[in-house]
Amino acid sequence: MITSELIEKINFYAAKAKSEGLTEDEKKEQERLREEYLGHFRKRFRQQLDNMDIEYID
């Protein structure tokens, strides 16, 4: 689940990367958080697509 805490952590690492840079451990954590976010996003998006019905009108 995408939580505000997850988004806050992602934003924190993005801001820190721009201002002062990240250590190797922080870069790994940032990538892990991004992958977690994308995994949740893709799952929700897939669920939305699966719940759609397409009707063709002639």
PDB file of N, CA and C in Angstrom:
ATOM      1  N   MET A   1       0.835  -1.170   0.000  1.00  0.00           N
ATOM      2  CA  MET A   1       0.000   0.000   0.000  1.00  0.00           C
ATOM      3  C   MET A   1       0.886   1.242   0.000  1.00  0.00           C
ATOM      4  N   ILE A   2       0.494   2.201  -0.795  1.00  0.00           N
ATOM      5  CA  ILE A   2       1.228   3.453  -0.848  1.00  0.00           C
ATOM      6  C   ILE A   2       0.763   4.308   0.319  1.00  0.00           C
ATOM      7  N   THR A   3       1.682   4.588   1.224  1.00  0.00           N
ATOM      8  CA  THR A   3       1.350   5.392   2.396  1.00  0.00           C
ATOM      9  C   THR A   3       2.026   6.752   2.287  1.00  0.00           C
ATOM     10  N   SER A   4       1.555   7.682   3.074  1.00  0.00           N
ATOM     11  CA  SER A   4       2.190   8.997   3.089  1.00  0.00           C
ATOM     12  C   SER A   4       3.621   8.888   3.605  1.00  0.00           C
ATOM     13  N   GLU A   5       3.857   7.928   4.493  1.00  0.00           N
ATOM     14  CA  GLU A   5       5.212   7.716   5.016  1.00  0.00           C
ATOM     15  C   GLU A   5       6.165   7.279   3.900  1.00  0.00           C
ATOM     16  N   LEU A   6       5.693   6.381   3.035  1.00  0.00           N
ATOM     17  CA  LEU A   6       6.507   5.921   1.906  1.00  0.00           C
ATOM     18  C   LEU A   6       6.846   7.087   0.980  1.00  0.00           C
ATOM     19  N   ILE A   7       5.861   7.896   0.669  1.00  0.00           N
ATOM     20  CA  ILE A   7       6.077   9.047  -0.212  1.00  0.00           C
ATOM     21  C   ILE A   7       7.012  10.058   0.438  1.00  0.00           C
ATOM     22  N   GLU A   8       6.852  10.278   1.739  1.00  0.00           N
ATOM     23  CA  GLU A   8       7.738  11.206   2.452  1.00  0.00           C
ATOM     24  C   GLU A   8       9.185  10.749   2.402  1.00  0.00           C
ATOM     25  N   LYS A   9       9.415   9.438   2.578  1.00  0.00           N
ATOM     26  CA  LYS A   9      10.782   8.912   2.520  1.00  0.00           C
ATOM     27  C   LYS A   9      11.369   9.078   1.121  1.00  0.00           C
ATOM     28  N   ILE A  10      10.576   8.790   0.108  1.00  0.00           N
ATOM     29  CA  ILE A  10      11.042   8.947  -1.273  1.00  0.00           C
ATOM     30  C   ILE A  10      11.404  10.403  -1.538  1.00  0.00           C
ATOM     31  N   ASN A  11      10.544  11.309  -1.114  1.00  0.00           N
ATOM     32  CA  ASN A  11      10.803  12.738  -1.308  1.00  0.00           C
ATOM     33  C   ASN A  11      12.015  13.210  -0.520  1.00  0.00           C
ATOM     34  N   PHE A  12      12.197  12.663   0.676  1.00  0.00           N
ATOM     35  CA  PHE A  12      13.354  13.021   1.487  1.00  0.00           C
ATOM     36  C   PHE A  12      14.654  12.671   0.754  1.00  0.00           C
ATOM     37  N   TYR A  13      14.730  11.436   0.251  1.00  0.00           N
ATOM     38  CA  TYR A  13      15.936  11.013  -0.453  1.00  0.00           C
ATOM     39  C   TYR A  13      16.136  11.787  -1.753  1.00  0.00           C
ATOM     40  N   ALA A  14      15.064  12.141  -2.433  1.00  0.00           N
ATOM     41  CA  ALA A  14      15.186  12.933  -3.656  1.00  0.00           C
ATOM     42  C   ALA A  14      15.749  14.316  -3.344  1.00  0.00           C
ATOM     43  N   ALA A  15      15.244  14.944  -2.302  1.00  0.00           N
ATOM     44  CA  ALA A  15      15.732  16.271  -1.918  1.00  0.00           C
ATOM     45  C   ALA A  15      17.180  16.201  -1.454  1.00  0.00           C
ATOM     46  N   LYS A  16      17.497  15.190  -0.670  1.00  0.00           N
ATOM     47  CA  LYS A  16      18.868  15.051  -0.171  1.00  0.00           C
ATOM     48  C   LYS A  16      19.838  14.783  -1.318  1.00  0.00           C
ATOM     49  N   ALA A  17      19.408  14.000  -2.297  1.00  0.00           N
ATOM     50  CA  ALA A  17      20.262  13.714  -3.449  1.00  0.00           C
ATOM     51  C   ALA A  17      20.595  14.994  -4.208  1.00  0.00           C
ATOM     52  N   LYS A  18      19.617  15.885  -4.309  1.00  0.00           N
ATOM     53  CA  LYS A  18      19.851  17.152  -5.011  1.00  0.00           C
ATOM     54  C   LYS A  18      20.731  18.101  -4.208  1.00  0.00           C
ATOM     55  N   SER A  19      20.540  18.132  -2.900  1.00  0.00           N
ATOM     56  CA  SER A  19      21.243  19.125  -2.092  1.00  0.00           C
ATOM     57  C   SER A  19      22.660  18.711  -1.712  1.00  0.00           C
ATOM     58  N   GLU A  20      22.813  17.476  -1.224  1.00  0.00           N
ATOM     59  CA  GLU A  20      24.139  17.102  -0.725  1.00  0.00           C
ATOM     60  C   GLU A  20      24.639  15.754  -1.226  1.00  0.00           C
ATOM     61  N   GLY A  21      23.792  15.018  -1.910  1.00  0.00           N
ATOM     62  CA  GLY A  21      24.190  13.700  -2.404  1.00  0.00           C
ATOM     63  C   GLY A  21      23.845  12.604  -1.417  1.00  0.00           C
ATOM     64  N   LEU A  22      23.876  11.383  -1.905  1.00  0.00           N
ATOM     65  CA  LEU A  22      23.519  10.228  -1.085  1.00  0.00           C
ATOM     66  C   LEU A  22      24.704   9.275  -0.957  1.00  0.00           C
ATOM     67  N   THR A  23      24.746   8.583   0.172  1.00  0.00           N
ATOM     68  CA  THR A  23      25.733   7.523   0.342  1.00  0.00           C
ATOM     69  C   THR A  23      25.251   6.306  -0.450  1.00  0.00           C
ATOM     70  N   GLU A  24      26.091   5.313  -0.574  1.00  0.00           N
ATOM     71  CA  GLU A  24      25.705   4.097  -1.307  1.00  0.00           C
ATOM     72  C   GLU A  24      24.525   3.400  -0.644  1.00  0.00           C
ATOM     73  N   ASP A  25      24.517   3.349   0.678  1.00  0.00           N
ATOM     74  CA  ASP A  25      23.394   2.739   1.398  1.00  0.00           C
ATOM     75  C   ASP A  25      22.105   3.515   1.162  1.00  0.00           C
ATOM     76  N   GLU A  26      22.200   4.831   1.157  1.00  0.00           N
ATOM     77  CA  GLU A  26      21.013   5.657   0.916  1.00  0.00           C
ATOM     78  C   GLU A  26      20.509   5.492  -0.511  1.00  0.00           C
ATOM     79  N   LYS A  27      21.421   5.349  -1.460  1.00  0.00           N
ATOM     80  CA  LYS A  27      21.015   5.122  -2.851  1.00  0.00           C
ATOM     81  C   LYS A  27      20.273   3.795  -2.989  1.00  0.00           C
ATOM     82  N   LYS A  28      20.762   2.768  -2.292  1.00  0.00           N
ATOM     83  CA  LYS A  28      20.088   1.466  -2.320  1.00  0.00           C
ATOM     84  C   LYS A  28      18.697   1.561  -1.699  1.00  0.00           C
ATOM     85  N   GLU A  29      18.595   2.270  -0.578  1.00  0.00           N
ATOM     86  CA  GLU A  29      17.308   2.445   0.088  1.00  0.00           C
ATOM     87  C   GLU A  29      16.348   3.244  -0.798  1.00  0.00           C
ATOM     88  N   GLN A  30      16.863   4.275  -1.444  1.00  0.00           N
ATOM     89  CA  GLN A  30      16.037   5.077  -2.353  1.00  0.00           C
ATOM     90  C   GLN A  30      15.498   4.205  -3.493  1.00  0.00           C
ATOM     91  N   GLU A  31      16.340   3.386  -4.066  1.00  0.00           N
ATOM     92  CA  GLU A  31      15.918   2.508  -5.154  1.00  0.00           C
ATOM     93  C   GLU A  31      14.895   1.484  -4.667  1.00  0.00           C
ATOM     94  N   ARG A  32      15.098   0.947  -3.473  1.00  0.00           N
ATOM     95  CA  ARG A  32      14.152  -0.019  -2.912  1.00  0.00           C
ATOM     96  C   ARG A  32      12.781   0.621  -2.703  1.00  0.00           C
ATOM     97  N   LEU A  33      12.781   1.847  -2.182  1.00  0.00           N
ATOM     98  CA  LEU A  33      11.523   2.562  -1.959  1.00  0.00           C
ATOM     99  C   LEU A  33      10.815   2.869  -3.274  1.00  0.00           C
ATOM    100  N   ARG A  34      11.576   3.257  -4.273  1.00  0.00           N
ATOM    101  CA  ARG A  34      10.980   3.540  -5.586  1.00  0.00           C
ATOM    102  C   ARG A  34      10.358   2.283  -6.186  1.00  0.00           C
ATOM    103  N   GLU A  35      11.064   1.170  -6.080  1.00  0.00           N
ATOM    104  CA  GLU A  35      10.544  -0.091  -6.608  1.00  0.00           C
ATOM    105  C   GLU A  35       9.283  -0.521  -5.859  1.00  0.00           C
ATOM    106  N   GLU A  36       9.266  -0.304  -4.551  1.00  0.00           N
ATOM    107  CA  GLU A  36       8.080  -0.621  -3.762  1.00  0.00           C
ATOM    108  C   GLU A  36       6.902   0.237  -4.223  1.00  0.00           C
ATOM    109  N   TYR A  37       7.155   1.533  -4.400  1.00  0.00           N
ATOM    110  CA  TYR A  37       6.107   2.448  -4.859  1.00  0.00           C
ATOM    111  C   TYR A  37       5.584   2.023  -6.229  1.00  0.00           C
ATOM    112  N   LEU A  38       6.489   1.757  -7.158  1.00  0.00           N
ATOM    113  CA  LEU A  38       6.083   1.363  -8.503  1.00  0.00           C
ATOM    114  C   LEU A  38       5.326   0.043  -8.508  1.00  0.00           C
ATOM    115  N   GLY A  39       5.724  -0.878  -7.653  1.00  0.00           N
ATOM    116  CA  GLY A  39       5.018  -2.151  -7.559  1.00  0.00           C
ATOM    117  C   GLY A  39       3.574  -1.952  -7.123  1.00  0.00           C
ATOM    118  N   HIS A  40       3.368  -1.111  -6.113  1.00  0.00           N
ATOM    119  CA  HIS A  40       2.011  -0.810  -5.651  1.00  0.00           C
ATOM    120  C   HIS A  40       1.213  -0.083  -6.728  1.00  0.00           C
ATOM    121  N   PHE A  41       1.866   0.865  -7.395  1.00  0.00           N
ATOM    122  CA  PHE A  41       1.193   1.636  -8.441  1.00  0.00           C
ATOM    123  C   PHE A  41       0.739   0.720  -9.574  1.00  0.00           C
ATOM    124  N   ARG A  42       1.638  -0.142 -10.026  1.00  0.00           N
ATOM    125  CA  ARG A  42       1.305  -1.059 -11.121  1.00  0.00           C
ATOM    126  C   ARG A  42       0.171  -2.001 -10.741  1.00  0.00           C
ATOM    127  N   LYS A  43       0.195  -2.486  -9.503  1.00  0.00           N
ATOM    128  CA  LYS A  43      -0.854  -3.391  -9.039  1.00  0.00           C
ATOM    129  C   LYS A  43      -2.213  -2.699  -9.060  1.00  0.00           C
ATOM    130  N   ARG A  44      -2.277  -1.485  -8.515  1.00  0.00           N
ATOM    131  CA  ARG A  44      -3.539  -0.737  -8.502  1.00  0.00           C
ATOM    132  C   ARG A  44      -4.012  -0.418  -9.911  1.00  0.00           C
ATOM    133  N   PHE A  45      -3.085  -0.041 -10.776  1.00  0.00           N
ATOM    134  CA  PHE A  45      -3.438   0.293 -12.153  1.00  0.00           C
ATOM    135  C   PHE A  45      -3.981  -0.940 -12.868  1.00  0.00           C
ATOM    136  N   ARG A  46      -3.355  -2.087 -12.682  1.00  0.00           N
ATOM    137  CA  ARG A  46      -3.805  -3.337 -13.278  1.00  0.00           C
ATOM    138  C   ARG A  46      -5.203  -3.685 -12.786  1.00  0.00           C
ATOM    139  N   GLN A  47      -5.458  -3.486 -11.498  1.00  0.00           N
ATOM    140  CA  GLN A  47      -6.790  -3.756 -10.945  1.00  0.00           C
ATOM    141  C   GLN A  47      -7.843  -2.870 -11.599  1.00  0.00           C
ATOM    142  N   GLN A  48      -7.494  -1.605 -11.822  1.00  0.00           N
ATOM    143  CA  GLN A  48      -8.429  -0.698 -12.481  1.00  0.00           C
ATOM    144  C   GLN A  48      -8.716  -1.163 -13.909  1.00  0.00           C
ATOM    145  N   LEU A  49      -7.677  -1.581 -14.622  1.00  0.00           N
ATOM    146  CA  LEU A  49      -7.870  -2.058 -15.995  1.00  0.00           C
ATOM    147  C   LEU A  49      -8.703  -3.334 -16.021  1.00  0.00           C
ATOM    148  N   ASP A  50      -8.457  -4.215 -15.078  1.00  0.00           N
ATOM    149  CA  ASP A  50      -9.201  -5.474 -15.028  1.00  0.00           C
ATOM    150  C   ASP A  50     -10.679  -5.259 -14.719  1.00  0.00           C
ATOM    151  N   ASN A  51     -11.001  -4.175 -14.042  1.00  0.00           N
ATOM    152  CA  ASN A  51     -12.387  -3.901 -13.689  1.00  0.00           C
ATOM    153  C   ASN A  51     -13.140  -3.109 -14.758  1.00  0.00           C
ATOM    154  N   MET A  52     -12.478  -2.753 -15.843  1.00  0.00           N
ATOM    155  CA  MET A  52     -13.129  -1.996 -16.904  1.00  0.00           C
ATOM    156  C   MET A  52     -13.805  -2.932 -17.892  1.00  0.00           C
ATOM    157  N   ASP A  53     -14.970  -2.502 -18.339  1.00  0.00           N
ATOM    158  CA  ASP A  53     -15.675  -3.207 -19.402  1.00  0.00           C
ATOM    159  C   ASP A  53     -15.685  -2.303 -20.621  1.00  0.00           C
ATOM    160  N   ILE A  54     -15.335  -2.851 -21.756  1.00  0.00           N
ATOM    161  CA  ILE A  54     -15.314  -2.087 -22.996  1.00  0.00           C
ATOM    162  C   ILE A  54     -16.520  -2.509 -23.824  1.00  0.00           C
ATOM    163  N   GLU A  55     -17.293  -1.536 -24.212  1.00  0.00           N
ATOM    164  CA  GLU A  55     -18.455  -1.797 -25.067  1.00  0.00           C
ATOM    165  C   GLU A  55     -18.223  -1.125 -26.415  1.00  0.00           C
ATOM    166  N   TYR A  56     -18.425  -1.886 -27.445  1.00  0.00           N
ATOM    167  CA  TYR A  56     -18.281  -1.357 -28.797  1.00  0.00           C
ATOM    168  C   TYR A  56     -19.651  -1.007 -29.327  1.00  0.00           C
ATOM    169  N   ILE A  57     -19.788   0.204 -29.821  1.00  0.00           N
ATOM    170  CA  ILE A  57     -21.045   0.675 -30.365  1.00  0.00           C
ATOM    171  C   ILE A  57     -20.863   0.838 -31.872  1.00  0.00           C
ATOM    172  N   ASP A  58     -21.750   0.188 -32.611  1.00  0.00           N
ATOM    173  CA  ASP A  58     -21.672   0.319 -34.085  1.00  0.00           C
ATOM    174  C   ASP A  58     -22.410   1.513 -34.578  1.00  0.00           C
TER     175      ASP A  58
END
